[in-house]
Amino acid sequence: MNFKDLQTKNKAWLQHNFPNNTPEQAALGLAEEVGELCHAILKISQGIRGDFDLHISEAKDAIGDITIFATSLCNIMKLDYNEIVTETANQVFSRDWVKYPFDGKTR
């Protein structure tokens, strides 16, 4: 599935299930999922509360949910998720931190 299809499907799902969702609710859901991802990574590094496969599964679930909440936030705010990701990726990938360790671009 590409980002445009994801956002279209998300919009219909969001309208059906959470028609009064606010940017704050989507942002808090996004933050919660980032916390779950951090929790899984922490438990991997500590080697506790389950095995590696369990924590990887939890990390994958959190990453997927992060994407859904980010798409929901874009829908609520009438932003184009594909455009945002493309523009940001182009900016990030234009940086060369090896050649320009100060700012990635000029020195």
C-alpha atoms as a PDB file:
ATOM      1  CA  MET A   1       0.000   0.000   0.000  1.00  0.00           C
ATOM      2  CA  ASN A   2       1.342   3.444  -0.837  1.00  0.00           C
ATOM      3  CA  PHE A   3       0.897   6.559   1.303  1.00  0.00           C
ATOM      4  CA  LYS A   4      -1.920   8.001  -0.808  1.00  0.00           C
ATOM      5  CA  ASP A   5      -3.951   4.797  -0.565  1.00  0.00           C
ATOM      6  CA  LEU A   6      -3.200   4.583   3.139  1.00  0.00           C
ATOM      7  CA  GLN A   7      -4.426   8.123   3.730  1.00  0.00           C
ATOM      8  CA  THR A   8      -7.594   7.527   1.694  1.00  0.00           C
ATOM      9  CA  LYS A   9      -8.422   4.339   3.603  1.00  0.00           C
ATOM     10  CA  ASN A  10      -7.541   5.981   6.895  1.00  0.00           C
ATOM     11  CA  LYS A  11      -9.872   8.910   6.174  1.00  0.00           C
ATOM     12  CA  ALA A  12     -12.862   6.621   5.597  1.00  0.00           C
ATOM     13  CA  TRP A  13     -12.015   4.464   8.639  1.00  0.00           C
ATOM     14  CA  LEU A  14     -11.499   7.535  10.840  1.00  0.00           C
ATOM     15  CA  GLN A  15     -14.767   9.121   9.710  1.00  0.00           C
ATOM     16  CA  HIS A  16     -16.666   5.916  10.462  1.00  0.00           C
ATOM     17  CA  ASN A  17     -15.046   5.071  13.802  1.00  0.00           C
ATOM     18  CA  PHE A  18     -13.982   8.415  15.252  1.00  0.00           C
ATOM     19  CA  PRO A  19     -15.863  11.201  13.432  1.00  0.00           C
ATOM     20  CA  ASN A  20     -15.141  13.748  16.158  1.00  0.00           C
ATOM     21  CA  ASN A  21     -11.434  12.961  16.531  1.00  0.00           C
ATOM     22  CA  THR A  22      -9.307  16.028  17.204  1.00  0.00           C
ATOM     23  CA  PRO A  23      -5.671  16.809  16.398  1.00  0.00           C
ATOM     24  CA  GLU A  24      -4.934  16.535  20.120  1.00  0.00           C
ATOM     25  CA  GLN A  25      -6.362  13.002  20.306  1.00  0.00           C
ATOM     26  CA  ALA A  26      -4.409  11.872  17.255  1.00  0.00           C
ATOM     27  CA  ALA A  27      -1.201  13.471  18.555  1.00  0.00           C
ATOM     28  CA  LEU A  28      -1.637  11.843  21.969  1.00  0.00           C
ATOM     29  CA  GLY A  29      -2.255   8.471  20.319  1.00  0.00           C
ATOM     30  CA  LEU A  30       0.904   8.996  18.285  1.00  0.00           C
ATOM     31  CA  ALA A  31       2.873   9.830  21.432  1.00  0.00           C
ATOM     32  CA  GLU A  32       1.502   6.758  23.195  1.00  0.00           C
ATOM     33  CA  GLU A  33       2.678   4.526  20.357  1.00  0.00           C
ATOM     34  CA  VAL A  34       6.140   6.121  20.351  1.00  0.00           C
ATOM     35  CA  GLY A  35       6.252   5.294  24.063  1.00  0.00           C
ATOM     36  CA  GLU A  36       5.333   1.679  23.304  1.00  0.00           C
ATOM     37  CA  LEU A  37       8.109   1.516  20.701  1.00  0.00           C
ATOM     38  CA  CYS A  38      10.615   2.918  23.192  1.00  0.00           C
ATOM     39  CA  HIS A  39       9.426   0.409  25.795  1.00  0.00           C
ATOM     40  CA  ALA A  40      10.015  -2.504  23.413  1.00  0.00           C
ATOM     41  CA  ILE A  41      13.495  -1.259  22.492  1.00  0.00           C
ATOM     42  CA  LEU A  42      14.370  -0.704  26.154  1.00  0.00           C
ATOM     43  CA  LYS A  43      13.292  -4.235  27.094  1.00  0.00           C
ATOM     44  CA  ILE A  44      15.384  -5.643  24.238  1.00  0.00           C
ATOM     45  CA  SER A  45      18.436  -3.771  25.501  1.00  0.00           C
ATOM     46  CA  GLN A  46      17.773  -4.855  29.101  1.00  0.00           C
ATOM     47  CA  GLY A  47      16.984  -8.442  28.146  1.00  0.00           C
ATOM     48  CA  ILE A  48      13.936  -8.569  30.449  1.00  0.00           C
ATOM     49  CA  ARG A  49      10.141  -9.029  30.354  1.00  0.00           C
ATOM     50  CA  GLY A  50      10.098 -11.391  27.422  1.00  0.00           C
ATOM     51  CA  ASP A  51      12.342 -12.580  24.680  1.00  0.00           C
ATOM     52  CA  PHE A  52      13.721 -10.784  21.652  1.00  0.00           C
ATOM     53  CA  ASP A  53      10.967 -12.032  19.324  1.00  0.00           C
ATOM     54  CA  LEU A  54       8.226 -10.742  21.635  1.00  0.00           C
ATOM     55  CA  HIS A  55       9.780  -7.288  21.817  1.00  0.00           C
ATOM     56  CA  ILE A  56      10.387  -7.167  18.064  1.00  0.00           C
ATOM     57  CA  SER A  57       6.723  -8.028  17.544  1.00  0.00           C
ATOM     58  CA  GLU A  58       5.719  -5.218  19.906  1.00  0.00           C
ATOM     59  CA  ALA A  59       8.076  -2.805  18.121  1.00  0.00           C
ATOM     60  CA  LYS A  60       6.605  -3.707  14.726  1.00  0.00           C
ATOM     61  CA  ASP A  61       3.076  -3.188  16.064  1.00  0.00           C
ATOM     62  CA  ALA A  62       4.045   0.211  17.484  1.00  0.00           C
ATOM     63  CA  ILE A  63       5.674   1.316  14.214  1.00  0.00           C
ATOM     64  CA  GLY A  64       2.534   0.378  12.298  1.00  0.00           C
ATOM     65  CA  ASP A  65       0.330   2.198  14.802  1.00  0.00           C
ATOM     66  CA  ILE A  66       2.611   5.263  14.634  1.00  0.00           C
ATOM     67  CA  THR A  67       2.032   5.356  10.890  1.00  0.00           C
ATOM     68  CA  ILE A  68      -1.740   5.078  11.309  1.00  0.00           C
ATOM     69  CA  PHE A  69      -1.883   7.816  13.954  1.00  0.00           C
ATOM     70  CA  ALA A  70       0.345  10.087  11.841  1.00  0.00           C
ATOM     71  CA  THR A  71      -1.935   9.524   8.871  1.00  0.00           C
ATOM     72  CA  SER A  72      -4.976  10.201  11.053  1.00  0.00           C
ATOM     73  CA  LEU A  73      -3.422  13.457  12.248  1.00  0.00           C
ATOM     74  CA  CYS A  74      -2.804  14.473   8.637  1.00  0.00           C
ATOM     75  CA  ASN A  75      -6.407  13.696   7.724  1.00  0.00           C
ATOM     76  CA  ILE A  76      -7.777  15.666  10.655  1.00  0.00           C
ATOM     77  CA  MET A  77      -5.530  18.637   9.820  1.00  0.00           C
ATOM     78  CA  LYS A  78      -6.155  18.289   6.057  1.00  0.00           C
ATOM     79  CA  LEU A  79      -2.479  17.659   5.282  1.00  0.00           C
ATOM     80  CA  ASP A  80      -1.096  15.408   2.555  1.00  0.00           C
ATOM     81  CA  TYR A  81       0.893  12.631   4.259  1.00  0.00           C
ATOM     82  CA  ASN A  82       2.612  11.567   1.032  1.00  0.00           C
ATOM     83  CA  GLU A  83       3.706  15.129   0.301  1.00  0.00           C
ATOM     84  CA  ILE A  84       5.037  15.610   3.833  1.00  0.00           C
ATOM     85  CA  VAL A  85       7.001  12.342   3.820  1.00  0.00           C
ATOM     86  CA  THR A  86       8.381  12.988   0.324  1.00  0.00           C
ATOM     87  CA  GLU A  87       9.504  16.544   1.120  1.00  0.00           C
ATOM     88  CA  THR A  88      11.059  15.514   4.415  1.00  0.00           C
ATOM     89  CA  ALA A  89      12.811  12.495   2.883  1.00  0.00           C
ATOM     90  CA  ASN A  90      14.274  14.676   0.136  1.00  0.00           C
ATOM     91  CA  GLN A  91      15.626  17.107   2.745  1.00  0.00           C
ATOM     92  CA  VAL A  92      17.059  14.369   4.962  1.00  0.00           C
ATOM     93  CA  PHE A  93      18.633  12.423   2.085  1.00  0.00           C
ATOM     94  CA  SER A  94      20.301  15.558   0.727  1.00  0.00           C
ATOM     95  CA  ARG A  95      22.419  15.819   3.884  1.00  0.00           C
ATOM     96  CA  ASP A  96      25.918  14.360   4.023  1.00  0.00           C
ATOM     97  CA  TRP A  97      26.892  14.052   7.670  1.00  0.00           C
ATOM     98  CA  VAL A  98      30.197  12.371   6.806  1.00  0.00           C
ATOM     99  CA  LYS A  99      31.352  15.216   4.578  1.00  0.00           C
ATOM    100  CA  TYR A 100      29.674  18.026   6.570  1.00  0.00           C
ATOM    101  CA  PRO A 101      29.448  16.857  10.192  1.00  0.00           C
ATOM    102  CA  PHE A 102      28.473  20.311  11.486  1.00  0.00           C
ATOM    103  CA  ASP A 103      25.159  20.733   9.657  1.00  0.00           C
ATOM    104  CA  GLY A 104      25.033  18.056   6.977  1.00  0.00           C
ATOM    105  CA  LYS A 105      25.214  20.567   4.132  1.00  0.00           C
ATOM    106  CA  THR A 106      27.792  23.314   4.165  1.00  0.00           C
ATOM    107  CA  ARG A 107      30.641  22.847   6.630  1.00  0.00           C
END
